[in-house]
N, C-alpha and C. Protein backbone atom coordinates (compact mmCIF):
# COMPACT_ATOMS: atom_id res chain seq x y z
N MET A 1 0.84 -1.21 0.00
CA MET A 1 -0.02 -0.05 0.04
C MET A 1 0.97 1.25 -0.01
N PRO A 2 0.51 2.19 -1.00
CA PRO A 2 1.51 3.45 -1.00
C PRO A 2 1.35 4.14 0.32
N ALA A 3 2.33 4.94 0.69
CA ALA A 3 2.44 5.73 1.91
C ALA A 3 1.34 6.64 1.99
N HIS A 4 0.89 7.25 0.92
CA HIS A 4 -0.28 8.27 0.88
C HIS A 4 -1.52 7.62 1.43
N GLU A 5 -1.75 6.35 0.91
CA GLU A 5 -3.04 5.74 1.23
C GLU A 5 -3.31 5.46 2.83
N GLN A 6 -2.17 5.53 3.50
CA GLN A 6 -2.23 5.31 4.95
C GLN A 6 -2.45 6.62 5.64
N LYS A 7 -2.34 7.70 5.02
CA LYS A 7 -2.58 9.10 5.83
C LYS A 7 -3.78 9.45 6.04
N THR A 8 -3.99 10.10 7.07
CA THR A 8 -5.49 10.73 7.44
C THR A 8 -5.88 11.83 6.35
N ASP A 9 -7.06 12.17 6.28
CA ASP A 9 -7.50 13.23 5.44
C ASP A 9 -6.74 14.66 5.75
N LEU A 10 -6.63 14.83 6.93
CA LEU A 10 -5.82 16.09 7.24
C LEU A 10 -4.45 16.05 6.83
N MET A 11 -3.73 15.01 6.89
CA MET A 11 -2.41 14.79 6.47
C MET A 11 -2.29 14.87 4.87
N LEU A 12 -3.34 14.42 4.22
CA LEU A 12 -3.34 14.46 2.65
C LEU A 12 -3.54 15.79 2.23
N MET A 13 -4.61 16.44 3.03
CA MET A 13 -4.79 17.93 2.68
C MET A 13 -3.54 18.74 2.94
N ALA A 14 -2.88 18.58 3.98
CA ALA A 14 -1.58 19.35 4.20
C ALA A 14 -0.66 19.13 3.01
N ASP A 15 -0.52 17.81 2.53
CA ASP A 15 0.31 17.55 1.30
C ASP A 15 -0.24 18.09 0.19
N ALA A 16 -1.58 18.10 -0.04
CA ALA A 16 -2.17 18.90 -1.25
C ALA A 16 -1.85 20.39 -1.22
N ALA A 17 -1.72 20.83 -0.01
CA ALA A 17 -1.60 22.17 0.07
C ALA A 17 -0.20 22.71 -0.34
N LYS A 18 0.62 21.73 -0.28
CA LYS A 18 2.00 21.85 -0.81
C LYS A 18 2.23 21.44 -2.31
N GLY A 19 1.09 21.19 -2.88
CA GLY A 19 1.02 20.85 -4.36
C GLY A 19 1.16 19.45 -4.69
N ASP A 20 0.96 18.54 -3.74
CA ASP A 20 0.96 17.15 -3.95
C ASP A 20 -0.31 16.59 -4.64
N ALA A 21 -0.26 16.49 -5.89
CA ALA A 21 -1.55 15.95 -6.70
C ALA A 21 -1.93 14.66 -6.25
N GLU A 22 -0.94 13.69 -5.99
CA GLU A 22 -1.40 12.38 -5.60
C GLU A 22 -2.05 12.27 -4.37
N ALA A 23 -1.60 13.23 -3.41
CA ALA A 23 -2.40 13.13 -2.16
C ALA A 23 -3.82 13.58 -2.38
N PHE A 24 -4.03 14.66 -3.14
CA PHE A 24 -5.24 15.27 -3.45
C PHE A 24 -6.17 14.18 -4.09
N GLY A 25 -5.54 13.58 -5.06
CA GLY A 25 -6.35 12.37 -5.83
C GLY A 25 -6.82 11.35 -4.87
N ILE A 26 -6.07 11.06 -3.88
CA ILE A 26 -6.50 10.14 -2.86
C ILE A 26 -7.71 10.66 -2.10
N LEU A 27 -7.66 11.92 -1.69
CA LEU A 27 -8.84 12.52 -0.97
C LEU A 27 -10.07 12.49 -1.94
N ALA A 28 -9.82 12.88 -3.17
CA ALA A 28 -10.91 12.88 -4.10
C ALA A 28 -11.62 11.37 -4.24
N ARG A 29 -10.67 10.35 -4.39
CA ARG A 29 -11.29 9.12 -4.43
C ARG A 29 -12.03 8.68 -3.18
N ARG A 30 -11.39 9.05 -2.02
CA ARG A 30 -11.99 8.60 -0.76
C ARG A 30 -13.46 9.26 -0.42
N HIS A 31 -13.53 10.42 -1.05
CA HIS A 31 -14.83 11.27 -0.76
C HIS A 31 -15.66 11.54 -1.96
N GLY A 32 -15.22 11.16 -3.15
CA GLY A 32 -16.04 11.43 -4.31
C GLY A 32 -17.32 10.96 -4.36
N GLN A 33 -17.58 9.70 -3.99
CA GLN A 33 -18.95 9.09 -3.99
C GLN A 33 -19.86 9.75 -2.96
N TYR A 34 -19.20 10.02 -1.82
CA TYR A 34 -20.01 10.65 -0.70
C TYR A 34 -20.36 12.08 -1.20
N MET A 35 -19.39 12.85 -1.83
CA MET A 35 -19.73 14.18 -2.34
C MET A 35 -20.89 14.11 -3.38
N PHE A 36 -20.82 13.24 -4.20
CA PHE A 36 -21.71 13.01 -5.21
C PHE A 36 -23.28 12.74 -4.67
N ALA A 37 -23.25 11.80 -3.68
CA ALA A 37 -24.53 11.50 -3.03
C ALA A 37 -25.12 12.72 -2.43
N LEU A 38 -24.27 13.59 -1.69
CA LEU A 38 -24.76 14.77 -1.11
C LEU A 38 -25.25 15.84 -2.20
N ALA A 39 -24.39 16.03 -3.12
CA ALA A 39 -24.97 16.87 -4.24
C ALA A 39 -26.24 16.42 -4.97
N TYR A 40 -26.14 15.20 -5.19
CA TYR A 40 -27.52 14.63 -5.81
C TYR A 40 -28.71 14.80 -4.99
N ARG A 41 -28.62 14.65 -3.73
CA ARG A 41 -29.72 14.82 -2.87
C ARG A 41 -30.06 16.21 -2.75
N MET A 42 -29.15 17.14 -2.83
CA MET A 42 -29.37 18.57 -2.72
C MET A 42 -30.03 19.05 -4.03
N LEU A 43 -29.46 18.59 -5.24
CA LEU A 43 -29.78 19.13 -6.51
C LEU A 43 -30.81 18.39 -7.09
N GLY A 44 -30.92 17.18 -7.04
CA GLY A 44 -31.97 16.25 -7.55
C GLY A 44 -31.79 15.90 -9.02
N ASP A 45 -30.57 16.06 -9.57
CA ASP A 45 -30.15 15.92 -10.90
C ASP A 45 -28.78 15.20 -10.98
N ARG A 46 -28.63 14.10 -11.58
CA ARG A 46 -27.53 13.33 -11.55
C ARG A 46 -26.33 14.24 -12.35
N MET A 47 -26.71 14.71 -13.48
CA MET A 47 -25.63 15.39 -14.20
C MET A 47 -25.08 16.70 -13.50
N GLN A 48 -25.99 17.50 -12.92
CA GLN A 48 -25.68 18.59 -12.08
C GLN A 48 -24.87 18.24 -10.83
N ALA A 49 -25.20 17.07 -10.41
CA ALA A 49 -24.51 16.60 -9.18
C ALA A 49 -23.00 16.17 -9.56
N GLU A 50 -22.83 15.53 -10.74
CA GLU A 50 -21.52 15.37 -11.24
C GLU A 50 -20.79 16.56 -11.36
N ASP A 51 -21.41 17.51 -12.04
CA ASP A 51 -20.77 18.79 -12.31
C ASP A 51 -20.35 19.54 -10.90
N ALA A 52 -21.27 19.41 -9.98
CA ALA A 52 -20.96 20.07 -8.60
C ALA A 52 -19.71 19.45 -8.06
N VAL A 53 -19.65 18.02 -8.12
CA VAL A 53 -18.51 17.38 -7.41
C VAL A 53 -17.15 17.87 -8.19
N GLN A 54 -17.29 17.91 -9.49
CA GLN A 54 -16.15 18.39 -10.18
C GLN A 54 -15.67 19.80 -9.88
N ASP A 55 -16.65 20.79 -9.81
CA ASP A 55 -16.33 21.97 -9.58
C ASP A 55 -15.89 22.19 -8.07
N VAL A 56 -16.44 21.50 -7.06
CA VAL A 56 -15.84 21.57 -5.83
C VAL A 56 -14.53 20.95 -5.63
N LEU A 57 -14.24 19.83 -6.29
CA LEU A 57 -12.87 19.47 -6.18
C LEU A 57 -11.90 20.37 -6.90
N VAL A 58 -12.24 20.95 -7.87
CA VAL A 58 -11.39 21.94 -8.41
C VAL A 58 -11.12 23.21 -7.49
N LYS A 59 -12.33 23.65 -6.92
CA LYS A 59 -12.18 24.62 -5.82
C LYS A 59 -11.32 24.34 -4.68
N ILE A 60 -11.47 23.03 -4.27
CA ILE A 60 -10.71 22.60 -3.06
C ILE A 60 -9.20 22.60 -3.47
N TRP A 61 -8.93 22.05 -4.68
CA TRP A 61 -7.46 21.94 -5.13
C TRP A 61 -6.88 23.23 -5.28
N THR A 62 -7.59 24.20 -5.91
CA THR A 62 -7.07 25.48 -6.00
C THR A 62 -6.95 26.28 -4.83
N SER A 63 -7.83 26.15 -3.93
CA SER A 63 -7.67 26.80 -2.65
C SER A 63 -6.82 25.99 -1.66
N ALA A 64 -6.20 24.86 -1.95
CA ALA A 64 -5.50 24.03 -1.09
C ALA A 64 -4.35 24.73 -0.53
N PRO A 65 -3.53 25.53 -1.28
CA PRO A 65 -2.37 26.25 -0.69
C PRO A 65 -2.76 27.32 0.33
N ASN A 66 -3.98 27.73 0.40
CA ASN A 66 -4.49 28.62 1.38
C ASN A 66 -5.16 27.99 2.51
N TRP A 67 -5.29 26.72 2.48
CA TRP A 67 -6.10 25.93 3.36
C TRP A 67 -5.24 25.81 4.78
N ARG A 68 -6.03 26.10 5.79
CA ARG A 68 -5.40 25.95 7.08
C ARG A 68 -6.30 25.03 7.99
N GLN A 69 -5.52 24.13 8.71
CA GLN A 69 -6.43 23.18 9.62
C GLN A 69 -6.99 23.95 10.70
N THR A 70 -8.29 23.81 10.93
CA THR A 70 -9.09 24.41 11.89
C THR A 70 -9.48 23.37 12.97
N ASP A 71 -10.33 23.69 13.92
CA ASP A 71 -10.86 22.73 14.80
C ASP A 71 -11.83 21.77 14.10
N ALA A 72 -12.28 22.20 13.06
CA ALA A 72 -13.42 21.44 12.36
C ALA A 72 -12.66 20.27 11.61
N LYS A 73 -13.33 19.22 11.44
CA LYS A 73 -12.81 18.16 10.70
C LYS A 73 -12.74 18.39 9.29
N TRP A 74 -11.94 17.77 8.58
CA TRP A 74 -11.70 17.99 7.10
C TRP A 74 -13.12 17.84 6.35
N THR A 75 -13.64 16.72 6.86
CA THR A 75 -15.07 16.34 6.09
C THR A 75 -16.07 17.35 6.43
N THR A 76 -16.06 18.03 7.60
CA THR A 76 -16.90 19.23 7.81
C THR A 76 -16.62 20.22 6.88
N TRP A 77 -15.36 20.63 6.65
CA TRP A 77 -15.13 21.68 5.66
C TRP A 77 -15.57 21.42 4.35
N MET A 78 -15.31 20.09 3.92
CA MET A 78 -15.62 19.60 2.59
C MET A 78 -17.22 19.65 2.55
N HIS A 79 -17.89 19.25 3.52
CA HIS A 79 -19.42 19.40 3.46
C HIS A 79 -19.81 20.72 3.16
N THR A 80 -19.09 21.92 3.93
CA THR A 80 -19.53 23.15 3.94
C THR A 80 -19.27 23.66 2.41
N VAL A 81 -18.17 23.37 1.76
CA VAL A 81 -17.85 23.89 0.38
C VAL A 81 -19.01 23.18 -0.43
N MET A 82 -19.12 21.97 -0.39
CA MET A 82 -20.26 21.30 -1.24
C MET A 82 -21.65 21.83 -1.00
N VAL A 83 -22.06 22.00 0.15
CA VAL A 83 -23.52 22.58 0.38
C VAL A 83 -23.51 23.90 -0.16
N ARG A 84 -22.57 24.77 0.16
CA ARG A 84 -22.56 26.15 -0.34
C ARG A 84 -22.64 26.19 -1.83
N HIS A 85 -21.89 25.33 -2.44
CA HIS A 85 -21.87 25.36 -3.91
C HIS A 85 -23.28 24.80 -4.53
N CYS A 86 -23.86 23.90 -3.85
CA CYS A 86 -25.05 23.37 -4.27
C CYS A 86 -26.12 24.48 -3.95
N LEU A 87 -26.16 25.13 -2.93
CA LEU A 87 -27.04 26.20 -2.55
C LEU A 87 -26.98 27.29 -3.70
N ASP A 88 -25.70 27.63 -4.02
CA ASP A 88 -25.46 28.74 -5.20
C ASP A 88 -26.10 28.17 -6.49
N MET A 89 -26.03 26.87 -6.63
CA MET A 89 -26.54 26.22 -7.97
C MET A 89 -28.14 26.32 -7.94
N LEU A 90 -28.61 26.05 -6.79
CA LEU A 90 -30.10 26.07 -6.46
C LEU A 90 -30.68 27.57 -6.66
N ARG A 91 -29.96 28.46 -6.17
CA ARG A 91 -30.28 29.79 -6.34
C ARG A 91 -30.58 30.27 -7.78
N ARG A 92 -29.62 29.65 -8.66
CA ARG A 92 -29.60 30.06 -10.13
C ARG A 92 -30.76 29.29 -10.90
N ARG A 93 -31.30 28.23 -10.26
CA ARG A 93 -32.43 27.57 -11.03
C ARG A 93 -33.17 26.82 -9.89
N ARG A 94 -34.52 26.50 -10.24
CA ARG A 94 -35.25 25.50 -9.40
C ARG A 94 -35.15 24.27 -9.99
N PRO A 95 -34.87 23.11 -9.28
CA PRO A 95 -34.70 21.72 -9.87
C PRO A 95 -35.92 21.06 -10.05
N THR A 96 -35.91 20.08 -10.88
CA THR A 96 -37.03 19.24 -11.11
C THR A 96 -36.44 17.73 -10.92
N VAL A 97 -37.33 16.89 -10.51
CA VAL A 97 -36.90 15.56 -10.30
C VAL A 97 -37.68 14.54 -11.30
N GLN A 98 -36.87 13.96 -12.03
CA GLN A 98 -37.57 13.07 -13.05
C GLN A 98 -37.43 11.63 -12.54
N ALA A 99 -38.41 10.80 -12.76
CA ALA A 99 -38.39 9.48 -12.22
C ALA A 99 -37.10 8.70 -12.68
N ASP A 100 -36.62 8.88 -13.98
CA ASP A 100 -35.34 8.27 -14.33
C ASP A 100 -34.17 8.73 -13.65
N ASP A 101 -34.25 9.92 -13.08
CA ASP A 101 -33.12 10.36 -12.25
C ASP A 101 -32.71 9.83 -10.83
N VAL A 102 -33.76 9.15 -10.36
CA VAL A 102 -33.67 8.69 -8.97
C VAL A 102 -33.08 7.34 -9.01
N ASP A 103 -31.96 7.10 -8.17
CA ASP A 103 -31.29 5.94 -8.01
C ASP A 103 -32.06 5.14 -7.07
N LEU A 104 -32.59 3.93 -7.64
CA LEU A 104 -33.42 3.11 -6.81
C LEU A 104 -32.78 1.67 -6.66
N SER A 105 -31.51 1.49 -6.74
CA SER A 105 -30.75 0.25 -6.62
C SER A 105 -30.73 -0.12 -5.05
N ASP A 106 -31.15 -1.27 -4.74
CA ASP A 106 -31.26 -1.90 -3.49
C ASP A 106 -31.74 -3.32 -3.70
N GLU A 107 -31.79 -3.97 -2.66
CA GLU A 107 -32.09 -5.31 -2.69
C GLU A 107 -33.72 -5.46 -2.84
N ARG A 108 -34.20 -6.17 -3.79
CA ARG A 108 -35.51 -6.18 -4.18
C ARG A 108 -36.10 -7.50 -3.94
N PRO A 109 -36.93 -7.70 -2.82
CA PRO A 109 -37.57 -8.95 -2.72
C PRO A 109 -38.60 -9.48 -3.68
N SER A 110 -39.29 -8.45 -4.17
CA SER A 110 -40.20 -8.88 -5.22
C SER A 110 -40.65 -7.86 -6.07
N PRO A 111 -41.08 -8.01 -7.25
CA PRO A 111 -41.33 -6.96 -8.23
C PRO A 111 -42.44 -5.98 -7.63
N LEU A 112 -43.38 -6.46 -6.91
CA LEU A 112 -44.43 -5.59 -6.18
C LEU A 112 -43.76 -4.71 -5.21
N ARG A 113 -42.87 -5.27 -4.43
CA ARG A 113 -42.20 -4.70 -3.32
C ARG A 113 -41.28 -3.62 -3.91
N GLN A 114 -40.62 -3.95 -5.11
CA GLN A 114 -39.68 -3.06 -5.71
C GLN A 114 -40.48 -1.78 -6.26
N ALA A 115 -41.62 -1.99 -6.88
CA ALA A 115 -42.46 -0.93 -7.35
C ALA A 115 -42.82 -0.05 -6.24
N MET A 116 -43.34 -0.56 -5.11
CA MET A 116 -43.82 0.25 -4.09
C MET A 116 -42.47 0.95 -3.41
N ASP A 117 -41.49 0.39 -3.28
CA ASP A 117 -40.27 1.09 -2.63
C ASP A 117 -39.88 2.25 -3.67
N ASN A 118 -39.87 1.92 -4.87
CA ASN A 118 -39.39 2.91 -5.96
C ASN A 118 -40.35 4.15 -5.92
N GLN A 119 -41.64 3.87 -5.74
CA GLN A 119 -42.73 4.89 -5.74
C GLN A 119 -42.42 5.77 -4.40
N ARG A 120 -42.13 5.12 -3.44
CA ARG A 120 -41.89 5.95 -2.08
C ARG A 120 -40.65 6.71 -2.20
N ARG A 121 -39.63 6.19 -2.72
CA ARG A 121 -38.36 6.87 -2.86
C ARG A 121 -38.59 8.17 -3.80
N MET A 122 -39.27 7.92 -4.89
CA MET A 122 -39.49 9.03 -5.84
C MET A 122 -40.39 10.19 -5.19
N ARG A 123 -41.28 9.78 -4.16
CA ARG A 123 -42.19 10.75 -3.52
C ARG A 123 -41.23 11.49 -2.65
N VAL A 124 -40.28 10.84 -1.94
CA VAL A 124 -39.42 11.52 -0.92
C VAL A 124 -38.52 12.40 -1.72
N ALA A 125 -37.88 12.06 -2.78
CA ALA A 125 -36.92 12.76 -3.72
C ALA A 125 -37.73 13.95 -4.14
N ALA A 126 -38.97 13.78 -4.61
CA ALA A 126 -39.70 14.90 -5.03
C ALA A 126 -40.02 15.98 -3.98
N ALA A 127 -40.47 15.45 -2.96
CA ALA A 127 -40.73 16.22 -1.67
C ALA A 127 -39.61 17.01 -1.21
N LEU A 128 -38.37 16.44 -1.20
CA LEU A 128 -37.11 16.99 -0.81
C LEU A 128 -36.87 18.22 -1.69
N GLN A 129 -37.23 18.20 -3.06
CA GLN A 129 -36.89 19.32 -3.93
C GLN A 129 -37.99 20.48 -3.57
N THR A 130 -39.07 20.24 -2.93
CA THR A 130 -40.01 21.27 -2.69
C THR A 130 -39.52 22.00 -1.38
N LEU A 131 -38.75 21.59 -0.61
CA LEU A 131 -38.20 22.24 0.57
C LEU A 131 -37.39 23.55 0.24
N PRO A 132 -37.51 24.50 1.13
CA PRO A 132 -36.64 25.68 0.90
C PRO A 132 -35.14 25.13 1.00
N ASP A 133 -34.20 25.79 0.41
CA ASP A 133 -32.98 25.32 0.17
C ASP A 133 -32.20 24.97 1.51
N GLN A 134 -32.33 25.82 2.55
CA GLN A 134 -31.67 25.68 3.82
C GLN A 134 -32.28 24.55 4.49
N GLN A 135 -33.52 24.34 4.41
CA GLN A 135 -34.25 23.16 5.07
C GLN A 135 -33.80 21.90 4.39
N ARG A 136 -33.72 21.89 3.03
CA ARG A 136 -33.27 20.76 2.39
C ARG A 136 -31.92 20.36 2.66
N ALA A 137 -31.16 21.40 2.89
CA ALA A 137 -29.55 21.07 3.18
C ALA A 137 -29.46 20.45 4.70
N ALA A 138 -30.40 20.89 5.58
CA ALA A 138 -30.29 20.45 7.03
C ALA A 138 -30.87 18.99 6.89
N VAL A 139 -32.03 18.80 6.32
CA VAL A 139 -32.61 17.38 6.22
C VAL A 139 -31.61 16.44 5.65
N VAL A 140 -31.03 16.86 4.47
CA VAL A 140 -30.17 15.90 3.70
C VAL A 140 -28.91 15.51 4.55
N LEU A 141 -28.30 16.66 5.16
CA LEU A 141 -27.24 16.42 5.97
C LEU A 141 -27.49 15.51 7.21
N THR A 142 -28.69 15.70 7.82
CA THR A 142 -28.98 15.01 8.96
C THR A 142 -29.39 13.58 8.73
N TYR A 143 -30.40 13.31 7.87
CA TYR A 143 -31.00 12.11 7.54
C TYR A 143 -30.27 11.22 6.56
N TYR A 144 -29.55 11.82 5.58
CA TYR A 144 -28.97 10.97 4.48
C TYR A 144 -27.43 10.85 4.84
N HIS A 145 -26.77 11.79 5.53
CA HIS A 145 -25.40 11.81 5.82
C HIS A 145 -24.95 11.55 7.26
N GLY A 146 -25.97 11.66 8.09
CA GLY A 146 -25.76 11.34 9.51
C GLY A 146 -25.12 12.42 10.37
N LEU A 147 -25.12 13.65 9.90
CA LEU A 147 -24.39 14.69 10.73
C LEU A 147 -25.15 15.09 11.94
N SER A 148 -24.43 15.35 12.99
CA SER A 148 -25.16 15.85 14.14
C SER A 148 -25.59 17.32 13.87
N ASN A 149 -26.51 17.85 14.72
CA ASN A 149 -27.06 19.27 14.57
C ASN A 149 -25.79 20.21 14.53
N ALA A 150 -24.94 19.88 15.44
CA ALA A 150 -23.83 20.85 15.64
C ALA A 150 -22.86 20.89 14.31
N GLU A 151 -22.79 19.72 13.75
CA GLU A 151 -21.99 19.56 12.43
C GLU A 151 -22.73 20.30 11.29
N VAL A 152 -23.97 20.03 11.44
CA VAL A 152 -24.90 20.79 10.40
C VAL A 152 -24.77 22.38 10.51
N ALA A 153 -24.82 22.73 11.68
CA ALA A 153 -24.75 24.13 11.94
C ALA A 153 -23.35 24.64 11.44
N SER A 154 -22.38 23.96 11.70
CA SER A 154 -21.03 24.39 11.22
C SER A 154 -20.96 24.49 9.70
N VAL A 155 -21.68 23.47 8.98
CA VAL A 155 -21.53 23.44 7.55
C VAL A 155 -22.49 24.71 7.02
N LEU A 156 -23.55 24.88 7.66
CA LEU A 156 -24.43 25.95 7.13
C LEU A 156 -24.05 27.23 7.56
N GLY A 157 -23.01 27.38 8.54
CA GLY A 157 -22.62 28.63 9.06
C GLY A 157 -23.87 29.19 9.91
N SER A 158 -24.39 28.50 10.71
CA SER A 158 -25.65 28.78 11.40
C SER A 158 -25.37 28.21 12.90
N THR A 159 -26.41 28.31 13.63
CA THR A 159 -26.40 27.84 15.07
C THR A 159 -27.12 26.59 15.15
N VAL A 160 -26.87 25.75 16.20
CA VAL A 160 -27.59 24.49 16.41
C VAL A 160 -29.10 24.78 16.54
N ARG A 161 -29.51 25.91 17.28
CA ARG A 161 -30.88 26.20 17.46
C ARG A 161 -31.78 26.40 16.10
N ALA A 162 -30.89 27.26 15.20
CA ALA A 162 -31.42 27.50 13.91
C ALA A 162 -31.57 26.16 13.02
N VAL A 163 -30.67 25.27 13.15
CA VAL A 163 -30.59 23.98 12.58
C VAL A 163 -31.90 23.20 12.99
N GLU A 164 -32.04 23.13 14.34
CA GLU A 164 -33.18 22.36 14.90
C GLU A 164 -34.44 23.05 14.34
N SER A 165 -34.61 24.31 14.38
CA SER A 165 -35.78 24.97 13.72
C SER A 165 -35.92 24.53 12.20
N LEU A 166 -34.77 24.58 11.48
CA LEU A 166 -35.00 24.07 10.06
C LEU A 166 -35.50 22.65 10.00
N LEU A 167 -34.97 21.72 10.86
CA LEU A 167 -35.32 20.40 10.79
C LEU A 167 -36.75 20.30 11.20
N VAL A 168 -37.29 20.95 12.34
CA VAL A 168 -38.64 20.94 12.65
C VAL A 168 -39.61 21.35 11.46
N ARG A 169 -39.22 22.49 10.76
CA ARG A 169 -39.97 22.90 9.67
C ARG A 169 -39.94 21.96 8.40
N GLY A 170 -38.71 21.41 8.34
CA GLY A 170 -38.42 20.40 7.18
C GLY A 170 -39.38 19.16 7.38
N ARG A 171 -39.25 18.68 8.53
CA ARG A 171 -40.03 17.39 8.85
C ARG A 171 -41.38 17.58 8.80
N LYS A 172 -41.92 18.73 9.27
CA LYS A 172 -43.39 19.12 9.16
C LYS A 172 -43.77 19.04 7.65
N HIS A 173 -43.05 19.76 6.83
CA HIS A 173 -43.30 19.88 5.42
C HIS A 173 -43.23 18.50 4.70
N LEU A 174 -42.34 17.66 5.04
CA LEU A 174 -42.26 16.33 4.48
C LEU A 174 -43.48 15.49 5.04
N ARG A 175 -43.76 15.58 6.16
CA ARG A 175 -45.00 14.83 6.88
C ARG A 175 -46.14 15.30 6.05
N ASP A 176 -46.49 16.62 5.81
CA ASP A 176 -47.55 17.20 5.05
C ASP A 176 -47.59 16.58 3.68
N HIS A 177 -46.46 16.60 3.00
CA HIS A 177 -46.32 16.07 1.68
C HIS A 177 -46.42 14.49 1.52
N ILE A 178 -45.87 13.79 2.41
CA ILE A 178 -45.57 12.24 2.25
C ILE A 178 -46.49 11.59 3.24
N GLY A 179 -46.68 12.21 4.39
CA GLY A 179 -47.31 11.44 5.40
C GLY A 179 -46.40 10.95 6.53
N GLN A 180 -47.04 10.28 7.66
CA GLN A 180 -46.22 9.89 8.70
C GLN A 180 -45.27 8.78 8.23
N GLY A 181 -44.15 8.53 8.80
CA GLY A 181 -43.18 7.56 8.59
C GLY A 181 -42.32 7.85 7.37
N TRP A 182 -42.37 9.03 6.93
CA TRP A 182 -41.40 9.39 5.82
C TRP A 182 -39.96 9.11 6.00
N GLU A 183 -39.49 9.08 7.41
CA GLU A 183 -38.07 8.92 7.65
C GLU A 183 -37.65 7.31 7.30
N GLU A 184 -38.62 6.57 7.37
CA GLU A 184 -38.24 5.10 6.94
C GLU A 184 -38.22 4.99 5.39
N GLN A 185 -38.68 5.98 4.70
CA GLN A 185 -38.59 5.95 3.20
C GLN A 185 -37.40 6.45 2.70
N ILE A 186 -36.44 7.01 3.54
CA ILE A 186 -35.19 7.40 3.12
C ILE A 186 -34.27 6.48 2.85
């Protein structure tokens, strides 16, 4: 195993800040799928999510020499850059979700169950797109990516209390659009 593969994210980012493209490539491989999932859930469009990941990776690479380790984890910083980029993209357009864009791959016990699961996922994906941008970011980061309220607050540049408020309003909105038990449909 190459020496870079054993390094932590912070160590790799420190190397990338010195111009080490191999170290940055490892970071991109480690977090690329995760970044895509976050962007896809925020934007609701596969191609735009791919573009967002590329844009953010370029942004991170070009700003690497100015990067300074803070108290936040590297992944929190990466979330912040990705979410802000997605929010900027959302401000420029209102997304639509098409049934073909929703990734429905999972274990499928029967065709009927598969159809029901697919329909529920599409309803959740469509309902997510109707949330205001900040609520959508809070819900996606909390329910899809497992971040704590404090981590979400850090990513959104907000307070824990504000995140809690966003989540309350977001959950209510989703319940109103989808019904009780929407969390199980994620």
